[in-house]
């Protein structure tokens, strides 16, 4: 069964095979705001000219912001932030501003009230986070 996050808010993921999806499009100022909140002022995130000078297509998303969206997708699907017990991801690409990020997850198993969920984050056809695994208590 696939659920978008609006539907999931009515009832958490509950069994193996349940899926969820979060879609978010980072606005052009996200990295500047996130730099202030995180303290990560690396110029590849906040200075367009610098990012291009070092060979990037432009300013790129903070990896931890992207990981936070993966965590957000899990916690919203499971019923709230207190449900997240563990999260592991592999960073495999750069995220860009103004391009939709799609986080998907599938419950692999549910045992003793703990769901093990496999997930990934894709942007413009590229899996920028792979092999995500979370444990949540829906």
C-alpha atoms as a PDB file:
ATOM      1  CA  UNK A   1       0.000   0.000   0.000  1.00  0.00           C
ATOM      2  CA  UNK A   2       1.413   3.436  -0.956  1.00  0.00           C
ATOM      3  CA  UNK A   3       0.535   6.480   1.092  1.00  0.00           C
ATOM      4  CA  UNK A   4       1.443  10.093   0.604  1.00  0.00           C
ATOM      5  CA  UNK A   5       2.220  11.947   3.805  1.00  0.00           C
ATOM      6  CA  UNK A   6      -1.165  13.677   3.992  1.00  0.00           C
ATOM      7  CA  UNK A   7      -2.877  10.280   4.060  1.00  0.00           C
ATOM      8  CA  UNK A   8      -0.319   8.849   6.472  1.00  0.00           C
ATOM      9  CA  UNK A   9      -1.078  11.538   9.056  1.00  0.00           C
ATOM     10  CA  UNK A  10      -4.412   9.756   9.534  1.00  0.00           C
ATOM     11  CA  UNK A  11      -2.697   6.436  10.352  1.00  0.00           C
ATOM     12  CA  UNK A  12       0.948   5.425  10.565  1.00  0.00           C
ATOM     13  CA  UNK A  13       2.721   2.851   8.417  1.00  0.00           C
ATOM     14  CA  UNK A  14       1.758  -0.467   9.920  1.00  0.00           C
ATOM     15  CA  UNK A  15       2.963  -3.486   7.968  1.00  0.00           C
ATOM     16  CA  UNK A  16       5.709  -4.779   5.674  1.00  0.00           C
ATOM     17  CA  UNK A  17       5.251  -3.446   2.170  1.00  0.00           C
ATOM     18  CA  UNK A  18       3.668  -0.155   3.254  1.00  0.00           C
ATOM     19  CA  UNK A  19       5.277   2.772   1.422  1.00  0.00           C
ATOM     20  CA  UNK A  20       5.429   6.524   1.783  1.00  0.00           C
ATOM     21  CA  UNK A  21       6.703   9.481  -0.169  1.00  0.00           C
ATOM     22  CA  UNK A  22       7.724  13.037   0.649  1.00  0.00           C
ATOM     23  CA  UNK A  23       8.175  15.645  -2.088  1.00  0.00           C
ATOM     24  CA  UNK A  24       9.893  18.933  -1.315  1.00  0.00           C
ATOM     25  CA  UNK A  25      11.397  21.585  -3.560  1.00  0.00           C
ATOM     26  CA  UNK A  26      14.182  23.628  -1.951  1.00  0.00           C
ATOM     27  CA  UNK A  27      13.730  27.326  -2.649  1.00  0.00           C
ATOM     28  CA  UNK A  28      16.622  29.543  -3.873  1.00  0.00           C
ATOM     29  CA  UNK A  29      17.391  30.847  -0.367  1.00  0.00           C
ATOM     30  CA  UNK A  30      17.260  27.552   1.530  1.00  0.00           C
ATOM     31  CA  UNK A  31      21.033  27.066   1.770  1.00  0.00           C
ATOM     32  CA  UNK A  32      21.539  30.569   3.140  1.00  0.00           C
ATOM     33  CA  UNK A  33      18.898  30.012   5.839  1.00  0.00           C
ATOM     34  CA  UNK A  34      20.238  26.538   6.615  1.00  0.00           C
ATOM     35  CA  UNK A  35      23.806  27.874   6.870  1.00  0.00           C
ATOM     36  CA  UNK A  36      22.658  30.269   9.569  1.00  0.00           C
ATOM     37  CA  UNK A  37      20.778  27.562  11.441  1.00  0.00           C
ATOM     38  CA  UNK A  38      23.504  24.925  11.171  1.00  0.00           C
ATOM     39  CA  UNK A  39      26.615  27.089  11.357  1.00  0.00           C
ATOM     40  CA  UNK A  40      27.873  25.510   8.094  1.00  0.00           C
ATOM     41  CA  UNK A  41      28.923  28.523   6.025  1.00  0.00           C
ATOM     42  CA  UNK A  42      30.974  26.581   3.467  1.00  0.00           C
ATOM     43  CA  UNK A  43      30.868  28.838   0.382  1.00  0.00           C
ATOM     44  CA  UNK A  44      29.739  25.976  -1.884  1.00  0.00           C
ATOM     45  CA  UNK A  45      26.374  26.335  -0.166  1.00  0.00           C
ATOM     46  CA  UNK A  46      26.024  30.119  -0.052  1.00  0.00           C
ATOM     47  CA  UNK A  47      28.171  31.716  -2.778  1.00  0.00           C
ATOM     48  CA  UNK A  48      27.036  30.993  -6.335  1.00  0.00           C
ATOM     49  CA  UNK A  49      30.205  32.344  -7.956  1.00  0.00           C
ATOM     50  CA  UNK A  50      32.511  30.376  -5.655  1.00  0.00           C
ATOM     51  CA  UNK A  51      30.548  27.163  -6.240  1.00  0.00           C
ATOM     52  CA  UNK A  52      30.898  27.564 -10.003  1.00  0.00           C
ATOM     53  CA  UNK A  53      34.613  28.398  -9.702  1.00  0.00           C
ATOM     54  CA  UNK A  54      35.223  25.049  -8.003  1.00  0.00           C
ATOM     55  CA  UNK A  55      33.364  23.161 -10.727  1.00  0.00           C
ATOM     56  CA  UNK A  56      29.904  22.801  -9.239  1.00  0.00           C
ATOM     57  CA  UNK A  57      26.744  23.613 -11.204  1.00  0.00           C
ATOM     58  CA  UNK A  58      25.926  26.280  -8.622  1.00  0.00           C
ATOM     59  CA  UNK A  59      25.270  26.344  -4.883  1.00  0.00           C
ATOM     60  CA  UNK A  60      24.485  22.861  -3.595  1.00  0.00           C
ATOM     61  CA  UNK A  61      22.310  21.676  -0.751  1.00  0.00           C
ATOM     62  CA  UNK A  62      23.824  20.823   2.590  1.00  0.00           C
ATOM     63  CA  UNK A  63      23.974  17.043   2.871  1.00  0.00           C
ATOM     64  CA  UNK A  64      22.583  17.171   6.383  1.00  0.00           C
ATOM     65  CA  UNK A  65      19.563  19.159   5.182  1.00  0.00           C
ATOM     66  CA  UNK A  66      18.905  16.394   2.674  1.00  0.00           C
ATOM     67  CA  UNK A  67      19.302  13.774   5.391  1.00  0.00           C
ATOM     68  CA  UNK A  68      16.881  15.770   7.539  1.00  0.00           C
ATOM     69  CA  UNK A  69      14.269  15.432   4.790  1.00  0.00           C
ATOM     70  CA  UNK A  70      14.757  11.649   4.890  1.00  0.00           C
ATOM     71  CA  UNK A  71      14.280  11.733   8.674  1.00  0.00           C
ATOM     72  CA  UNK A  72      11.223  13.963   8.239  1.00  0.00           C
ATOM     73  CA  UNK A  73       9.639  11.538   5.758  1.00  0.00           C
ATOM     74  CA  UNK A  74      10.086   8.649   8.204  1.00  0.00           C
ATOM     75  CA  UNK A  75       8.791  10.490  11.232  1.00  0.00           C
ATOM     76  CA  UNK A  76       5.760  11.890   9.436  1.00  0.00           C
ATOM     77  CA  UNK A  77       4.951   8.427   8.071  1.00  0.00           C
ATOM     78  CA  UNK A  78       5.393   6.797  11.484  1.00  0.00           C
ATOM     79  CA  UNK A  79       3.406   9.354  13.465  1.00  0.00           C
ATOM     80  CA  UNK A  80       5.840  11.951  14.823  1.00  0.00           C
ATOM     81  CA  UNK A  81       9.468  12.763  15.634  1.00  0.00           C
ATOM     82  CA  UNK A  82       9.437  10.624  18.781  1.00  0.00           C
ATOM     83  CA  UNK A  83       9.006   7.515  16.586  1.00  0.00           C
ATOM     84  CA  UNK A  84      12.495   7.639  15.019  1.00  0.00           C
ATOM     85  CA  UNK A  85      14.877   5.249  16.787  1.00  0.00           C
ATOM     86  CA  UNK A  86      17.712   5.003  14.259  1.00  0.00           C
ATOM     87  CA  UNK A  87      18.580   6.396  10.835  1.00  0.00           C
ATOM     88  CA  UNK A  88      21.434   5.506   8.527  1.00  0.00           C
ATOM     89  CA  UNK A  89      21.999   6.834   4.999  1.00  0.00           C
ATOM     90  CA  UNK A  90      24.656   6.849   2.317  1.00  0.00           C
ATOM     91  CA  UNK A  91      25.295  10.186   0.609  1.00  0.00           C
ATOM     92  CA  UNK A  92      25.744   9.509  -3.105  1.00  0.00           C
ATOM     93  CA  UNK A  93      25.249  12.786  -4.916  1.00  0.00           C
ATOM     94  CA  UNK A  94      24.802  16.532  -4.715  1.00  0.00           C
ATOM     95  CA  UNK A  95      21.430  18.107  -4.186  1.00  0.00           C
ATOM     96  CA  UNK A  96      20.507  21.279  -6.064  1.00  0.00           C
ATOM     97  CA  UNK A  97      18.218  24.181  -5.303  1.00  0.00           C
ATOM     98  CA  UNK A  98      14.843  24.589  -7.016  1.00  0.00           C
ATOM     99  CA  UNK A  99      14.683  20.925  -8.061  1.00  0.00           C
ATOM    100  CA  UNK A 100      12.144  18.629  -6.436  1.00  0.00           C
ATOM    101  CA  UNK A 101      13.538  16.112  -3.958  1.00  0.00           C
ATOM    102  CA  UNK A 102      11.535  12.898  -3.610  1.00  0.00           C
ATOM    103  CA  UNK A 103      12.068  10.735  -0.536  1.00  0.00           C
ATOM    104  CA  UNK A 104      10.508   7.284  -0.637  1.00  0.00           C
ATOM    105  CA  UNK A 105      10.402   4.536   1.927  1.00  0.00           C
ATOM    106  CA  UNK A 106       9.137   0.975   2.210  1.00  0.00           C
ATOM    107  CA  UNK A 107       8.598  -0.980   5.401  1.00  0.00           C
ATOM    108  CA  UNK A 108      10.832  -4.049   5.162  1.00  0.00           C
ATOM    109  CA  UNK A 109       9.767  -5.690   8.409  1.00  0.00           C
ATOM    110  CA  UNK A 110       7.800  -5.045  11.567  1.00  0.00           C
ATOM    111  CA  UNK A 111       8.794  -6.887  14.714  1.00  0.00           C
ATOM    112  CA  UNK A 112       8.031  -6.174  18.359  1.00  0.00           C
ATOM    113  CA  UNK A 113       6.556  -2.799  17.455  1.00  0.00           C
ATOM    114  CA  UNK A 114       9.633  -1.603  15.532  1.00  0.00           C
ATOM    115  CA  UNK A 115       9.422  -1.087  11.765  1.00  0.00           C
ATOM    116  CA  UNK A 116      12.584  -1.342   9.684  1.00  0.00           C
ATOM    117  CA  UNK A 117      12.209   0.960   6.681  1.00  0.00           C
ATOM    118  CA  UNK A 118      14.344   1.156   3.540  1.00  0.00           C
ATOM    119  CA  UNK A 119      14.522   4.555   1.865  1.00  0.00           C
ATOM    120  CA  UNK A 120      16.218   6.791  -0.658  1.00  0.00           C
ATOM    121  CA  UNK A 121      16.133  10.386  -1.894  1.00  0.00           C
ATOM    122  CA  UNK A 122      16.048  11.170  -5.607  1.00  0.00           C
ATOM    123  CA  UNK A 123      16.481  14.505  -7.347  1.00  0.00           C
ATOM    124  CA  UNK A 124      16.279  14.937 -11.125  1.00  0.00           C
ATOM    125  CA  UNK A 125      16.585  11.186 -11.624  1.00  0.00           C
ATOM    126  CA  UNK A 126      19.703  10.871  -9.468  1.00  0.00           C
ATOM    127  CA  UNK A 127      19.646   8.926  -6.201  1.00  0.00           C
ATOM    128  CA  UNK A 128      21.487  11.401  -3.966  1.00  0.00           C
ATOM    129  CA  UNK A 129      20.799   9.365  -0.822  1.00  0.00           C
ATOM    130  CA  UNK A 130      20.860   5.586  -1.145  1.00  0.00           C
ATOM    131  CA  UNK A 131      20.599   2.646   1.185  1.00  0.00           C
ATOM    132  CA  UNK A 132      18.714   4.574   3.825  1.00  0.00           C
ATOM    133  CA  UNK A 133      17.575   2.430   6.717  1.00  0.00           C
ATOM    134  CA  UNK A 134      15.489   3.599   9.624  1.00  0.00           C
ATOM    135  CA  UNK A 135      13.927   2.023  12.658  1.00  0.00           C
ATOM    136  CA  UNK A 136      10.679   3.625  13.734  1.00  0.00           C
ATOM    137  CA  UNK A 137       8.020   2.771  16.284  1.00  0.00           C
ATOM    138  CA  UNK A 138       4.723   3.525  14.508  1.00  0.00           C
END
